[in-house]
Amino acid sequence: MAFISGIQIIHAPASALNNAGNNGGETDNIVQVKSIRVANKAYPYVSAQSYRYWLRSTLEELGSEVWTTAPIFREKKIAYTDANPISYCDDDLFGYMRAPGKKVEAADSRAAMTGDTPTKETVTRVSPFRVGTLVGLSDGVTKDFGTMSRQEGNPVPHEHQFYRTSLKGMFSLDLGSSGSFSYQNRTGFLNLDEERIKIAQEQNLQHNEKQRTYALSTEERTRRISLLLRSMPVITGGAKQGVHYTDVSPVVVVMAVTKGGNNPFQYTMEGDSEGFARPVFEALREIAAVWGDTILSSLFIGWTQGYADMHRASLEAQKDELHKLYPHGIIMGHPRSLFEQMATLLQDRPEWLS
């Protein structure tokens, strides 16, 4: 099986992208950022759930005719999607879990355009798209004080935390599972129940009786994957954007198509003394030697001009050496251009979906 495996770097020059909520501070009214404490140091982070929310929202902005979003149904203390990966792109690539329950009217207005797929047994789908927590490459969280003092009355003091760093996280996309749906009766693999199998048959999905799967056409699977890839470099989101406006699109990306789900690129970038990402050439050389036989594509290294240019220059100086080490060479450029190239490459390699 083939996977797109990689890491990405987001630059947060003065940001509070993912908050933990209110807690008593010097003003008894403080908004704290999410952070990990290691040896008395606080490293800010953005949760995988937040990133996936940003990405879903970005994809939804493409419009329902391009990226189909599953309606949400709600009961007392639970909420669930339609769990129909055949009709909805996000159920396909982001996974789901749904148990039988009473149908209720969805709060989301999009549900008015579609019906609830009947569910007679629990269906689950492991997300083909996986993303790691984005963790700061340097520590340090500071506080900003302010007051609500408009119009008459006493000012109300408040404070919030923010930070300056770069955030690194892994991502992976299981190409073989994208657009392919199992009906094996075990947890995580029963993507389709009896009702959803009927839909697959009605739409003439490709049936593999031996593997117990139904699959969309290669063209539709490639289209959905391409939409996801093209959304990653234009992603928007994050908290406190009104006072800490931050571009959350990746400034650095390292990725390739690999055999199996192992992601060897985690240690190709580390933080310098100012919290910028810098390449780890020893790791890049070791990956070529140890994992070279599992890398199916060129190694894509995207680096935005203007971000840590001294480290970008050192990478460019080593490009020719690294190009010779990797079986399919190295491609460098802007992260958005490389995501576009990866999406285009998939159209010529349908075997990666098998």
Protein backbone atom coordinates (compact mmCIF):
# COMPACT_ATOMS: atom_id res chain seq x y z
CA MET A 1 0.00 0.00 0.00
CA ALA A 2 1.15 3.54 -0.77
CA PHE A 3 0.95 6.55 1.51
CA ILE A 4 1.72 10.24 1.15
CA SER A 5 3.89 10.80 4.21
CA GLY A 6 5.36 14.07 5.38
CA ILE A 7 5.83 16.86 7.87
CA GLN A 8 4.83 20.50 7.72
CA ILE A 9 5.96 23.67 9.49
CA ILE A 10 3.64 26.57 10.34
CA HIS A 11 5.21 29.87 11.40
CA ALA A 12 3.55 31.67 14.31
CA PRO A 13 5.36 35.03 14.72
CA ALA A 14 3.07 36.32 17.51
CA SER A 15 0.09 34.01 17.75
CA ALA A 16 -2.44 32.20 19.90
CA LEU A 17 -3.77 29.65 17.43
CA ASN A 18 -5.32 27.12 19.81
CA ASN A 19 -6.57 28.17 23.23
CA ALA A 20 -7.25 26.08 26.31
CA GLY A 21 -9.94 28.36 27.72
CA ASN A 22 -10.26 30.79 30.61
CA ASN A 23 -8.46 30.44 33.90
CA GLY A 24 -7.71 32.72 36.80
CA GLY A 25 -4.61 34.87 36.26
CA GLU A 26 -3.46 38.18 37.64
CA THR A 27 -6.68 39.71 36.35
CA ASP A 28 -8.87 36.64 37.13
CA ASN A 29 -9.72 36.70 33.43
CA ILE A 30 -7.05 35.05 31.29
CA VAL A 31 -7.27 33.06 28.07
CA GLN A 32 -4.53 30.44 28.02
CA VAL A 33 -2.98 28.79 24.98
CA LYS A 34 -2.56 25.04 24.76
CA SER A 35 0.97 24.03 25.68
CA ILE A 36 3.05 21.00 26.65
CA ARG A 37 5.33 21.31 29.67
CA VAL A 38 8.73 19.62 29.42
CA ALA A 39 11.39 20.24 32.10
CA ASN A 40 9.60 23.40 33.29
CA LYS A 41 9.38 24.76 29.75
CA ALA A 42 6.07 25.39 27.96
CA TYR A 43 5.91 24.40 24.30
CA PRO A 44 2.77 25.71 22.57
CA TYR A 45 0.83 23.36 20.33
CA VAL A 46 -2.13 23.15 17.99
CA SER A 47 -4.20 20.02 18.47
CA ALA A 48 -4.82 17.65 15.60
CA GLN A 49 -8.55 18.18 16.12
CA SER A 50 -8.14 21.93 15.56
CA TYR A 51 -6.07 21.42 12.43
CA ARG A 52 -8.59 18.96 11.00
CA TYR A 53 -11.35 21.50 11.71
CA TRP A 54 -9.42 24.21 9.84
CA LEU A 55 -8.89 21.86 6.92
CA ARG A 56 -12.53 20.75 6.78
CA SER A 57 -13.64 24.39 6.84
CA THR A 58 -11.22 25.28 4.05
CA LEU A 59 -12.50 22.39 1.96
CA GLU A 60 -16.12 23.38 2.57
CA GLU A 61 -15.37 26.81 1.12
CA LEU A 62 -14.71 25.08 -2.19
CA GLY A 63 -18.46 24.52 -2.50
CA SER A 64 -20.70 21.48 -2.28
CA GLU A 65 -20.37 20.65 -5.98
CA VAL A 66 -16.63 20.20 -5.59
CA TRP A 67 -16.19 18.92 -2.04
CA THR A 68 -19.26 17.21 -0.61
CA THR A 69 -19.69 17.61 3.16
CA ALA A 70 -21.73 15.12 5.16
CA PRO A 71 -24.70 16.50 7.13
CA ILE A 72 -24.54 16.35 10.92
CA PHE A 73 -27.33 14.73 12.94
CA ARG A 74 -27.76 15.36 16.66
CA GLU A 75 -29.41 13.62 19.55
CA LYS A 76 -29.30 14.59 23.24
CA LYS A 77 -25.57 14.35 23.95
CA ILE A 78 -24.22 12.94 20.72
CA ALA A 79 -23.60 14.14 17.20
CA TYR A 80 -22.64 12.12 14.16
CA THR A 81 -22.24 12.47 10.42
CA ASP A 82 -24.27 10.59 7.85
CA ALA A 83 -21.37 8.08 7.69
CA ASN A 84 -21.77 7.70 3.94
CA PRO A 85 -18.31 7.78 2.30
CA ILE A 86 -19.78 7.05 -1.12
CA SER A 87 -21.69 10.34 -1.25
CA TYR A 88 -19.54 12.55 0.98
CA CYS A 89 -15.86 13.35 0.57
CA ASP A 90 -15.24 14.17 4.23
CA ASP A 91 -16.74 10.89 5.46
CA ASP A 92 -14.42 9.19 2.98
CA LEU A 93 -11.12 10.89 3.86
CA PHE A 94 -11.69 11.90 7.50
CA GLY A 95 -13.39 8.75 8.79
CA TYR A 96 -16.40 8.27 11.06
CA MET A 97 -18.13 6.14 13.68
CA ARG A 98 -21.89 5.76 13.84
CA ALA A 99 -24.15 3.45 15.80
CA PRO A 100 -27.84 2.75 15.14
CA GLY A 101 -30.04 5.45 16.60
CA LYS A 102 -33.19 7.46 16.23
CA LYS A 103 -33.18 9.80 13.26
CA VAL A 104 -33.46 13.46 14.20
CA GLU A 105 -33.49 16.63 12.19
CA ALA A 106 -29.96 17.99 11.78
CA ALA A 107 -29.04 21.39 13.12
CA ASP A 108 -26.89 21.99 10.08
CA SER A 109 -28.95 23.55 7.28
CA ARG A 110 -27.16 21.39 4.73
CA ALA A 111 -29.04 18.38 6.06
CA ALA A 112 -32.23 19.81 4.60
CA MET A 113 -30.94 18.90 1.15
CA THR A 114 -30.37 15.25 1.97
CA GLY A 115 -31.84 12.39 3.94
CA ASP A 116 -30.30 10.41 6.77
CA THR A 117 -28.85 7.12 5.51
CA PRO A 118 -30.57 4.32 7.51
CA THR A 119 -28.12 2.66 9.92
CA LYS A 120 -28.94 -0.81 11.22
CA GLU A 121 -25.54 -1.67 12.72
CA THR A 122 -22.49 0.20 13.92
CA VAL A 123 -20.28 1.39 11.08
CA THR A 124 -16.75 2.74 11.57
CA ARG A 125 -14.03 4.01 9.28
CA VAL A 126 -10.43 4.70 10.22
CA SER A 127 -9.46 8.07 8.79
CA PRO A 128 -7.28 7.68 5.67
CA PHE A 129 -5.98 11.21 6.38
CA ARG A 130 -3.95 11.40 9.58
CA VAL A 131 -2.36 14.43 11.14
CA GLY A 132 -0.16 14.85 14.19
CA THR A 133 -0.22 17.55 16.83
CA LEU A 134 1.62 20.67 15.67
CA VAL A 135 4.17 21.33 18.43
CA GLY A 136 6.34 24.41 18.88
CA LEU A 137 10.01 24.09 17.95
CA SER A 138 10.86 26.45 20.79
CA ASP A 139 9.36 27.15 24.21
CA GLY A 140 8.10 30.39 25.62
CA VAL A 141 4.60 31.69 26.26
CA THR A 142 4.01 35.33 27.20
CA LYS A 143 1.00 37.34 28.37
CA ASP A 144 -0.66 40.43 26.97
CA PHE A 145 -2.80 42.70 29.16
CA GLY A 146 -5.73 44.76 28.01
CA THR A 147 -8.94 46.40 29.17
CA MET A 148 -12.49 46.68 27.95
CA SER A 149 -12.87 50.45 28.33
CA ARG A 150 -15.19 51.61 25.57
CA GLN A 151 -18.00 54.02 26.44
CA GLU A 152 -18.80 54.84 30.07
CA GLY A 153 -18.09 52.71 33.12
CA ASN A 154 -15.11 51.19 34.82
CA PRO A 155 -12.59 49.41 32.55
CA VAL A 156 -12.57 45.62 32.79
CA PRO A 157 -9.03 44.17 32.75
CA HIS A 158 -8.25 40.97 30.92
CA GLU A 159 -5.21 39.10 29.69
CA HIS A 160 -4.34 36.38 27.21
CA GLN A 161 -1.33 34.30 26.30
CA PHE A 162 0.48 34.17 22.98
CA TYR A 163 3.81 32.96 21.62
CA ARG A 164 6.41 33.23 18.88
CA THR A 165 7.66 29.98 17.36
CA SER A 166 7.32 27.57 14.45
CA LEU A 167 5.05 24.55 14.83
CA LYS A 168 5.90 21.14 13.37
CA GLY A 169 3.58 18.21 12.78
CA MET A 170 3.37 15.02 10.73
CA PHE A 171 0.68 14.09 8.22
CA SER A 172 -0.16 10.96 6.23
CA LEU A 173 -2.73 9.94 3.64
CA ASP A 174 -3.48 6.27 2.98
CA LEU A 175 -3.92 6.23 -0.80
CA GLY A 176 -5.17 2.64 -0.90
CA SER A 177 -7.98 3.34 1.58
CA SER A 178 -9.05 6.64 0.03
CA GLY A 179 -12.23 6.00 -1.92
CA SER A 180 -12.19 2.29 -1.08
CA PHE A 181 -14.69 0.97 1.47
CA SER A 182 -14.57 -2.28 3.37
CA TYR A 183 -17.44 -4.38 4.65
CA GLN A 184 -15.33 -6.72 6.77
CA ASN A 185 -17.18 -7.31 10.02
CA ARG A 186 -14.57 -6.01 12.46
CA THR A 187 -13.98 -2.71 14.23
CA GLY A 188 -12.62 -0.03 11.95
CA PHE A 189 -13.25 -2.10 8.82
CA LEU A 190 -17.04 -2.24 8.68
CA ASN A 191 -17.31 0.95 6.62
CA LEU A 192 -20.46 -0.24 4.86
CA ASP A 193 -23.48 -1.92 6.36
CA GLU A 194 -26.31 -3.48 4.40
CA GLU A 195 -27.87 -0.12 3.51
CA ARG A 196 -24.59 1.38 2.32
CA ILE A 197 -23.73 -1.73 0.32
CA LYS A 198 -27.02 -1.22 -1.54
CA ILE A 199 -25.91 2.31 -2.41
CA ALA A 200 -22.55 0.98 -3.63
CA GLN A 201 -24.30 -1.56 -5.84
CA GLU A 202 -26.78 0.97 -7.19
CA GLN A 203 -23.90 3.27 -8.18
CA ASN A 204 -21.92 0.41 -9.74
CA LEU A 205 -18.86 0.80 -7.52
CA GLN A 206 -15.99 -1.57 -8.24
CA HIS A 207 -16.47 -4.70 -6.14
CA ASN A 208 -13.57 -6.78 -4.88
CA GLU A 209 -15.25 -9.84 -3.38
CA LYS A 210 -11.99 -11.36 -2.14
CA GLN A 211 -10.97 -8.25 -0.19
CA ARG A 212 -14.61 -7.47 0.66
CA THR A 213 -14.46 -3.88 -0.59
CA TYR A 214 -16.27 -1.49 -2.89
CA ALA A 215 -14.31 1.31 -4.53
CA LEU A 216 -15.11 4.52 -6.36
CA SER A 217 -13.68 4.99 -9.83
CA THR A 218 -9.99 5.82 -10.06
CA GLU A 219 -10.90 9.24 -11.43
CA GLU A 220 -13.15 10.09 -8.48
CA ARG A 221 -10.66 8.79 -5.93
CA THR A 222 -7.88 10.87 -7.49
CA ARG A 223 -10.15 13.92 -7.60
CA ARG A 224 -10.94 13.72 -3.88
CA ILE A 225 -7.30 13.21 -2.91
CA SER A 226 -6.25 16.11 -5.13
CA LEU A 227 -8.80 18.41 -3.49
CA LEU A 228 -7.40 17.55 -0.06
CA LEU A 229 -3.79 18.09 -1.16
CA ARG A 230 -4.57 21.40 -2.83
CA SER A 231 -6.37 22.65 0.31
CA MET A 232 -3.44 22.05 2.67
CA PRO A 233 -1.25 24.93 1.40
CA VAL A 234 -4.18 27.39 1.44
CA ILE A 235 -5.61 26.37 4.82
CA THR A 236 -7.06 29.12 7.01
CA GLY A 237 -8.12 29.16 10.64
CA GLY A 238 -6.86 29.66 14.16
CA ALA A 239 -7.95 31.50 17.29
CA LYS A 240 -7.30 35.17 18.15
CA GLN A 241 -7.00 36.15 14.50
CA GLY A 242 -8.55 39.53 15.29
CA VAL A 243 -5.51 40.57 17.36
CA HIS A 244 -2.85 38.03 16.33
CA TYR A 245 -3.51 37.62 12.61
CA THR A 246 -1.46 34.62 11.47
CA ASP A 247 -1.10 32.83 8.15
CA VAL A 248 -1.41 29.15 9.06
CA SER A 249 -0.44 27.79 5.64
CA PRO A 250 2.76 25.71 5.77
CA VAL A 251 6.03 27.56 5.21
CA VAL A 252 8.00 24.29 5.00
CA VAL A 253 6.91 20.84 3.87
CA VAL A 254 8.83 17.58 3.42
CA MET A 255 6.90 14.71 1.82
CA ALA A 256 7.03 11.72 -0.48
CA VAL A 257 4.95 8.72 -1.51
CA THR A 258 6.11 5.74 0.53
CA LYS A 259 5.36 2.05 0.92
CA GLY A 260 3.54 1.40 4.18
CA GLY A 261 2.37 3.84 6.82
CA ASN A 262 5.70 4.58 8.52
CA ASN A 263 6.61 8.27 8.30
CA PRO A 264 10.41 8.64 8.21
CA PHE A 265 10.46 12.44 7.91
CA GLN A 266 9.75 13.50 11.51
CA TYR A 267 13.37 14.34 12.29
CA THR A 268 14.34 16.05 9.05
CA MET A 269 13.63 19.47 10.61
CA GLU A 270 14.52 20.83 14.04
CA GLY A 271 14.28 24.20 15.76
CA ASP A 272 17.12 26.69 15.93
CA SER A 273 17.75 29.10 18.82
CA GLU A 274 15.06 31.49 17.55
CA GLY A 275 12.38 28.87 16.90
CA PHE A 276 12.84 28.69 13.14
CA ALA A 277 13.00 25.33 11.38
CA ARG A 278 16.31 24.19 9.98
CA PRO A 279 17.13 21.05 8.01
CA VAL A 280 18.89 18.12 9.66
CA PHE A 281 21.18 16.87 6.90
CA GLU A 282 22.31 13.80 8.84
CA ALA A 283 18.68 12.70 9.07
CA LEU A 284 18.06 13.36 5.37
CA ARG A 285 21.09 11.27 4.43
CA GLU A 286 20.13 8.46 6.79
CA ILE A 287 16.57 8.33 5.42
CA ALA A 288 17.94 7.87 1.90
CA ALA A 289 20.14 5.00 3.08
CA VAL A 290 17.65 3.26 5.37
CA TRP A 291 14.28 3.98 3.77
CA GLY A 292 15.27 4.57 0.15
CA ASP A 293 13.80 1.26 -1.02
CA THR A 294 10.37 2.27 0.34
CA ILE A 295 10.24 5.74 -1.25
CA LEU A 296 8.16 5.60 -4.44
CA SER A 297 8.39 9.21 -5.57
CA SER A 298 10.77 12.13 -5.53
CA LEU A 299 11.38 13.71 -2.15
CA PHE A 300 9.44 16.99 -2.17
CA ILE A 301 10.92 19.77 -0.04
CA GLY A 302 8.93 23.00 -0.03
CA TRP A 303 10.34 26.17 1.51
CA THR A 304 8.73 29.61 1.40
CA GLN A 305 11.06 32.42 0.36
CA GLY A 306 11.49 34.86 3.27
CA TYR A 307 11.14 32.25 6.01
CA ALA A 308 14.52 31.44 7.62
CA ASP A 309 16.34 32.18 4.37
CA MET A 310 19.72 31.26 5.89
CA HIS A 311 18.49 27.70 6.42
CA ARG A 312 16.87 27.58 3.00
CA ALA A 313 20.23 28.60 1.49
CA SER A 314 22.04 25.79 3.33
CA LEU A 315 19.48 23.31 2.00
CA GLU A 316 19.90 24.54 -1.55
CA ALA A 317 23.68 24.17 -1.16
CA GLN A 318 23.18 20.48 -0.30
CA LYS A 319 20.52 19.82 -2.94
CA ASP A 320 22.81 18.21 -5.54
CA GLU A 321 24.27 15.76 -3.02
CA LEU A 322 20.85 14.80 -1.66
CA HIS A 323 19.42 14.49 -5.18
CA LYS A 324 21.92 11.71 -5.91
CA LEU A 325 21.12 9.86 -2.68
CA TYR A 326 17.37 9.51 -3.22
CA PRO A 327 16.22 6.92 -5.78
CA HIS A 328 13.84 9.36 -7.48
CA GLY A 329 15.72 12.56 -6.71
CA ILE A 330 14.62 15.72 -4.93
CA ILE A 331 12.21 18.45 -6.03
CA MET A 332 12.35 21.83 -4.28
CA GLY A 333 10.03 24.82 -4.53
CA HIS A 334 7.25 26.68 -2.76
CA PRO A 335 5.01 24.42 -0.61
CA ARG A 336 1.90 25.25 -2.63
CA SER A 337 3.63 24.41 -5.92
CA LEU A 338 4.78 21.07 -4.53
CA PHE A 339 1.33 20.08 -3.24
CA GLU A 340 0.06 20.87 -6.73
CA GLN A 341 2.78 18.71 -8.29
CA MET A 342 1.96 15.86 -5.92
CA ALA A 343 -1.73 16.06 -6.85
CA THR A 344 -0.84 16.02 -10.55
CA LEU A 345 1.58 13.13 -10.10
CA LEU A 346 -1.16 10.92 -8.65
CA GLN A 347 -3.11 11.15 -11.90
CA ASP A 348 -0.26 9.34 -13.68
CA ARG A 349 0.22 6.66 -11.01
CA PRO A 350 -3.13 4.89 -10.51
CA GLU A 351 -1.29 1.81 -9.18
CA TRP A 352 -0.62 3.72 -5.96
CA LEU A 353 -4.35 3.48 -5.20
CA SER A 354 -4.39 -0.32 -5.28
